[in-house]
């Protein structure tokens, strides 16, 4: 994950699981529109070690990074989440 953040000027890390099917579909579409390499999706059920390391307590959660620094953290399932994320690109 560190290399992903360092290799992108602006990027999104999305922490999720299978309980958020509709939101996951929206984010997959967003990923296609902003570029596959700018959005990382992490399944909280599969990547338990990373989730624990980052002290993630709930999903869905979005981390938006710019120049390697966390600039925004968004919790929840907002209807306009894709619009909020696009503002950074």
N, C-alpha and C. Protein backbone atom coordinates (compact mmCIF):
# COMPACT_ATOMS: atom_id res chain seq x y z
N UNK A 1 0.83 -1.18 0.00
CA UNK A 1 0.00 0.00 0.00
C UNK A 1 0.88 1.26 0.00
N UNK A 2 2.00 1.21 0.71
CA UNK A 2 2.88 2.38 0.75
C UNK A 2 3.37 2.78 -0.64
N UNK A 3 3.77 1.79 -1.44
CA UNK A 3 4.22 2.09 -2.81
C UNK A 3 3.11 2.67 -3.65
N UNK A 4 1.90 2.15 -3.48
CA UNK A 4 0.75 2.68 -4.21
C UNK A 4 0.58 4.16 -3.91
N UNK A 5 0.64 4.53 -2.64
CA UNK A 5 0.45 5.92 -2.23
C UNK A 5 1.60 6.79 -2.74
N UNK A 6 2.82 6.31 -2.65
CA UNK A 6 3.99 7.07 -3.10
C UNK A 6 4.02 7.26 -4.60
N UNK A 7 3.48 6.29 -5.35
CA UNK A 7 3.55 6.33 -6.82
C UNK A 7 2.43 7.13 -7.46
N UNK A 8 1.54 7.68 -6.67
CA UNK A 8 0.43 8.47 -7.21
C UNK A 8 0.40 9.85 -6.56
N UNK A 9 0.25 10.88 -7.37
CA UNK A 9 0.14 12.23 -6.82
C UNK A 9 -1.13 12.34 -5.99
N UNK A 10 -2.24 11.82 -6.53
CA UNK A 10 -3.52 11.77 -5.82
C UNK A 10 -4.06 10.35 -5.97
N UNK A 11 -4.51 9.77 -4.87
CA UNK A 11 -5.06 8.42 -4.94
C UNK A 11 -6.06 8.19 -3.80
N UNK A 12 -6.85 7.13 -3.96
CA UNK A 12 -7.88 6.76 -3.00
C UNK A 12 -7.65 5.32 -2.56
N UNK A 13 -7.74 5.10 -1.26
CA UNK A 13 -7.75 3.74 -0.72
C UNK A 13 -9.12 3.55 -0.09
N UNK A 14 -9.81 2.53 -0.56
CA UNK A 14 -11.18 2.25 -0.14
C UNK A 14 -11.19 0.95 0.65
N UNK A 15 -11.56 1.04 1.92
CA UNK A 15 -11.67 -0.13 2.80
C UNK A 15 -13.13 -0.55 2.83
N UNK A 16 -13.40 -1.80 2.50
CA UNK A 16 -14.77 -2.27 2.36
C UNK A 16 -14.85 -3.75 2.68
N UNK A 17 -16.02 -4.31 2.46
CA UNK A 17 -16.22 -5.76 2.48
C UNK A 17 -17.46 -6.08 1.64
N UNK A 18 -17.86 -7.34 1.61
CA UNK A 18 -18.97 -7.76 0.75
C UNK A 18 -20.34 -7.24 1.19
N UNK A 19 -20.44 -6.66 2.37
CA UNK A 19 -21.73 -6.13 2.84
C UNK A 19 -22.17 -4.89 2.09
N UNK A 20 -21.28 -4.28 1.33
CA UNK A 20 -21.56 -3.00 0.67
C UNK A 20 -21.56 -3.15 -0.85
N UNK A 21 -22.33 -4.11 -1.33
CA UNK A 21 -22.33 -4.44 -2.75
C UNK A 21 -22.63 -3.23 -3.64
N UNK A 22 -23.67 -2.49 -3.33
CA UNK A 22 -24.05 -1.34 -4.18
C UNK A 22 -22.95 -0.28 -4.19
N UNK A 23 -22.41 0.04 -3.03
CA UNK A 23 -21.33 1.02 -2.96
C UNK A 23 -20.09 0.50 -3.67
N UNK A 24 -19.78 -0.77 -3.49
CA UNK A 24 -18.61 -1.36 -4.16
C UNK A 24 -18.72 -1.24 -5.67
N UNK A 25 -19.94 -1.43 -6.20
CA UNK A 25 -20.16 -1.30 -7.64
C UNK A 25 -19.92 0.14 -8.08
N UNK A 26 -20.40 1.11 -7.30
CA UNK A 26 -20.17 2.53 -7.63
C UNK A 26 -18.68 2.85 -7.64
N UNK A 27 -17.96 2.31 -6.67
CA UNK A 27 -16.53 2.60 -6.58
C UNK A 27 -15.76 1.92 -7.71
N UNK A 28 -16.18 0.74 -8.10
CA UNK A 28 -15.55 0.09 -9.27
C UNK A 28 -15.74 0.95 -10.52
N UNK A 29 -16.93 1.51 -10.70
CA UNK A 29 -17.18 2.42 -11.83
C UNK A 29 -16.31 3.66 -11.72
N UNK A 30 -16.21 4.21 -10.51
CA UNK A 30 -15.35 5.38 -10.29
C UNK A 30 -13.90 5.05 -10.62
N UNK A 31 -13.47 3.90 -10.18
CA UNK A 31 -12.10 3.44 -10.44
C UNK A 31 -11.82 3.41 -11.94
N UNK A 32 -12.78 2.96 -12.70
CA UNK A 32 -12.62 2.93 -14.16
C UNK A 32 -12.55 4.32 -14.75
N UNK A 33 -13.28 5.27 -14.17
CA UNK A 33 -13.30 6.62 -14.75
C UNK A 33 -12.09 7.47 -14.34
N UNK A 34 -11.56 7.28 -13.12
CA UNK A 34 -10.41 8.09 -12.70
C UNK A 34 -9.08 7.41 -13.01
N UNK A 35 -9.15 6.12 -13.31
CA UNK A 35 -7.94 5.37 -13.63
C UNK A 35 -7.70 4.27 -12.61
N UNK A 36 -7.53 3.07 -13.12
CA UNK A 36 -7.33 1.89 -12.27
C UNK A 36 -6.20 2.10 -11.27
N UNK A 37 -5.16 2.79 -11.69
CA UNK A 37 -3.97 2.91 -10.85
C UNK A 37 -4.12 3.95 -9.74
N UNK A 38 -5.24 4.66 -9.70
CA UNK A 38 -5.43 5.71 -8.70
C UNK A 38 -6.36 5.32 -7.56
N UNK A 39 -6.88 4.11 -7.61
CA UNK A 39 -7.84 3.66 -6.60
C UNK A 39 -7.50 2.24 -6.18
N UNK A 40 -7.28 2.06 -4.89
CA UNK A 40 -6.99 0.73 -4.34
C UNK A 40 -8.17 0.33 -3.46
N UNK A 41 -8.66 -0.88 -3.67
CA UNK A 41 -9.78 -1.39 -2.88
C UNK A 41 -9.25 -2.50 -1.98
N UNK A 42 -9.49 -2.36 -0.69
CA UNK A 42 -9.01 -3.32 0.30
C UNK A 42 -10.22 -3.96 0.99
N UNK A 43 -10.30 -5.27 0.90
CA UNK A 43 -11.38 -6.03 1.53
C UNK A 43 -11.00 -6.29 2.98
N UNK A 44 -11.79 -5.74 3.90
CA UNK A 44 -11.47 -5.86 5.32
C UNK A 44 -11.56 -7.29 5.84
N UNK A 45 -12.27 -8.14 5.13
CA UNK A 45 -12.36 -9.54 5.54
C UNK A 45 -11.16 -10.36 5.08
N UNK A 46 -10.50 -9.93 4.03
CA UNK A 46 -9.37 -10.67 3.48
C UNK A 46 -8.02 -10.13 3.94
N UNK A 47 -7.93 -8.84 4.17
CA UNK A 47 -6.66 -8.20 4.53
C UNK A 47 -6.64 -7.81 6.01
N UNK A 48 -6.90 -8.79 6.86
CA UNK A 48 -7.02 -8.53 8.30
C UNK A 48 -5.75 -7.94 8.91
N UNK A 49 -4.61 -8.42 8.47
CA UNK A 49 -3.35 -7.92 9.01
C UNK A 49 -3.18 -6.43 8.75
N UNK A 50 -3.45 -6.00 7.52
CA UNK A 50 -3.36 -4.59 7.17
C UNK A 50 -4.40 -3.77 7.93
N UNK A 51 -5.61 -4.28 8.04
CA UNK A 51 -6.67 -3.59 8.76
C UNK A 51 -6.26 -3.36 10.22
N UNK A 52 -5.69 -4.38 10.84
CA UNK A 52 -5.22 -4.24 12.22
C UNK A 52 -4.05 -3.27 12.31
N UNK A 53 -3.12 -3.37 11.37
CA UNK A 53 -1.94 -2.49 11.37
C UNK A 53 -2.35 -1.02 11.27
N UNK A 54 -3.36 -0.73 10.45
CA UNK A 54 -3.82 0.64 10.25
C UNK A 54 -4.86 1.07 11.29
N UNK A 55 -5.22 0.14 12.17
CA UNK A 55 -6.20 0.41 13.21
C UNK A 55 -7.56 0.85 12.65
N UNK A 56 -7.98 0.19 11.58
CA UNK A 56 -9.28 0.47 10.96
C UNK A 56 -10.35 -0.19 11.82
N UNK A 57 -11.31 0.61 12.27
CA UNK A 57 -12.34 0.11 13.18
C UNK A 57 -13.68 -0.14 12.50
N UNK A 58 -13.93 0.54 11.38
CA UNK A 58 -15.20 0.34 10.69
C UNK A 58 -15.04 0.59 9.19
N UNK A 59 -15.90 -0.03 8.43
CA UNK A 59 -15.95 0.16 6.98
C UNK A 59 -17.40 0.45 6.61
N UNK A 60 -17.65 1.10 5.51
CA UNK A 60 -16.70 1.57 4.51
C UNK A 60 -15.94 2.80 4.99
N UNK A 61 -14.74 2.92 4.48
CA UNK A 61 -13.85 4.01 4.83
C UNK A 61 -13.02 4.36 3.60
N UNK A 62 -12.88 5.64 3.35
CA UNK A 62 -12.08 6.12 2.23
C UNK A 62 -10.94 6.96 2.77
N UNK A 63 -9.74 6.70 2.30
CA UNK A 63 -8.59 7.55 2.57
C UNK A 63 -8.18 8.17 1.24
N UNK A 64 -8.08 9.47 1.22
CA UNK A 64 -7.63 10.18 0.02
C UNK A 64 -6.27 10.78 0.32
N UNK A 65 -5.31 10.46 -0.54
CA UNK A 65 -3.93 10.90 -0.36
C UNK A 65 -3.55 11.86 -1.48
N UNK A 66 -2.75 12.84 -1.12
CA UNK A 66 -2.18 13.75 -2.10
C UNK A 66 -0.71 13.92 -1.76
N UNK A 67 0.14 13.69 -2.74
CA UNK A 67 1.59 13.78 -2.55
C UNK A 67 2.06 12.97 -1.34
N UNK A 68 1.48 11.79 -1.18
CA UNK A 68 1.90 10.87 -0.13
C UNK A 68 1.33 11.14 1.25
N UNK A 69 0.49 12.16 1.39
CA UNK A 69 -0.07 12.50 2.69
C UNK A 69 -1.58 12.31 2.70
N UNK A 70 -2.09 11.79 3.79
CA UNK A 70 -3.53 11.63 3.96
C UNK A 70 -4.16 13.01 4.09
N UNK A 71 -5.05 13.36 3.15
CA UNK A 71 -5.67 14.68 3.20
C UNK A 71 -7.15 14.63 3.57
N UNK A 72 -7.76 13.45 3.43
CA UNK A 72 -9.17 13.34 3.78
C UNK A 72 -9.50 11.90 4.13
N UNK A 73 -10.35 11.75 5.14
CA UNK A 73 -10.82 10.45 5.58
C UNK A 73 -12.34 10.54 5.63
N UNK A 74 -13.01 9.65 4.91
CA UNK A 74 -14.46 9.69 4.81
C UNK A 74 -15.04 8.36 5.27
N UNK A 75 -15.89 8.42 6.29
CA UNK A 75 -16.57 7.23 6.80
C UNK A 75 -17.98 7.20 6.25
N UNK A 76 -18.49 6.03 5.94
CA UNK A 76 -19.90 5.90 5.61
C UNK A 76 -20.22 5.71 4.15
N UNK A 77 -21.52 5.68 3.88
CA UNK A 77 -22.03 5.40 2.54
C UNK A 77 -22.83 6.59 2.02
N UNK A 78 -22.17 7.66 1.74
CA UNK A 78 -22.84 8.85 1.22
C UNK A 78 -23.30 8.62 -0.22
N UNK A 79 -24.48 9.13 -0.55
CA UNK A 79 -24.99 9.00 -1.91
C UNK A 79 -24.08 9.67 -2.92
N UNK A 80 -23.42 10.75 -2.51
CA UNK A 80 -22.58 11.51 -3.44
C UNK A 80 -21.09 11.25 -3.24
N UNK A 81 -20.74 10.09 -2.70
CA UNK A 81 -19.34 9.79 -2.40
C UNK A 81 -18.46 9.89 -3.64
N UNK A 82 -18.93 9.44 -4.77
CA UNK A 82 -18.12 9.51 -5.99
C UNK A 82 -17.86 10.96 -6.38
N UNK A 83 -18.83 11.83 -6.20
CA UNK A 83 -18.64 13.25 -6.50
C UNK A 83 -17.61 13.87 -5.55
N UNK A 84 -17.68 13.49 -4.28
CA UNK A 84 -16.71 14.00 -3.29
C UNK A 84 -15.31 13.57 -3.68
N UNK A 85 -15.14 12.33 -4.06
CA UNK A 85 -13.81 11.82 -4.43
C UNK A 85 -13.33 12.49 -5.71
N UNK A 86 -14.20 12.64 -6.70
CA UNK A 86 -13.80 13.26 -7.98
C UNK A 86 -13.28 14.69 -7.80
N UNK A 87 -13.73 15.39 -6.75
CA UNK A 87 -13.25 16.74 -6.52
C UNK A 87 -11.73 16.81 -6.34
N UNK A 88 -11.14 15.71 -5.94
CA UNK A 88 -9.69 15.68 -5.71
C UNK A 88 -8.91 15.37 -6.98
N UNK A 89 -9.60 14.98 -8.04
CA UNK A 89 -8.93 14.62 -9.28
C UNK A 89 -9.19 15.67 -10.29
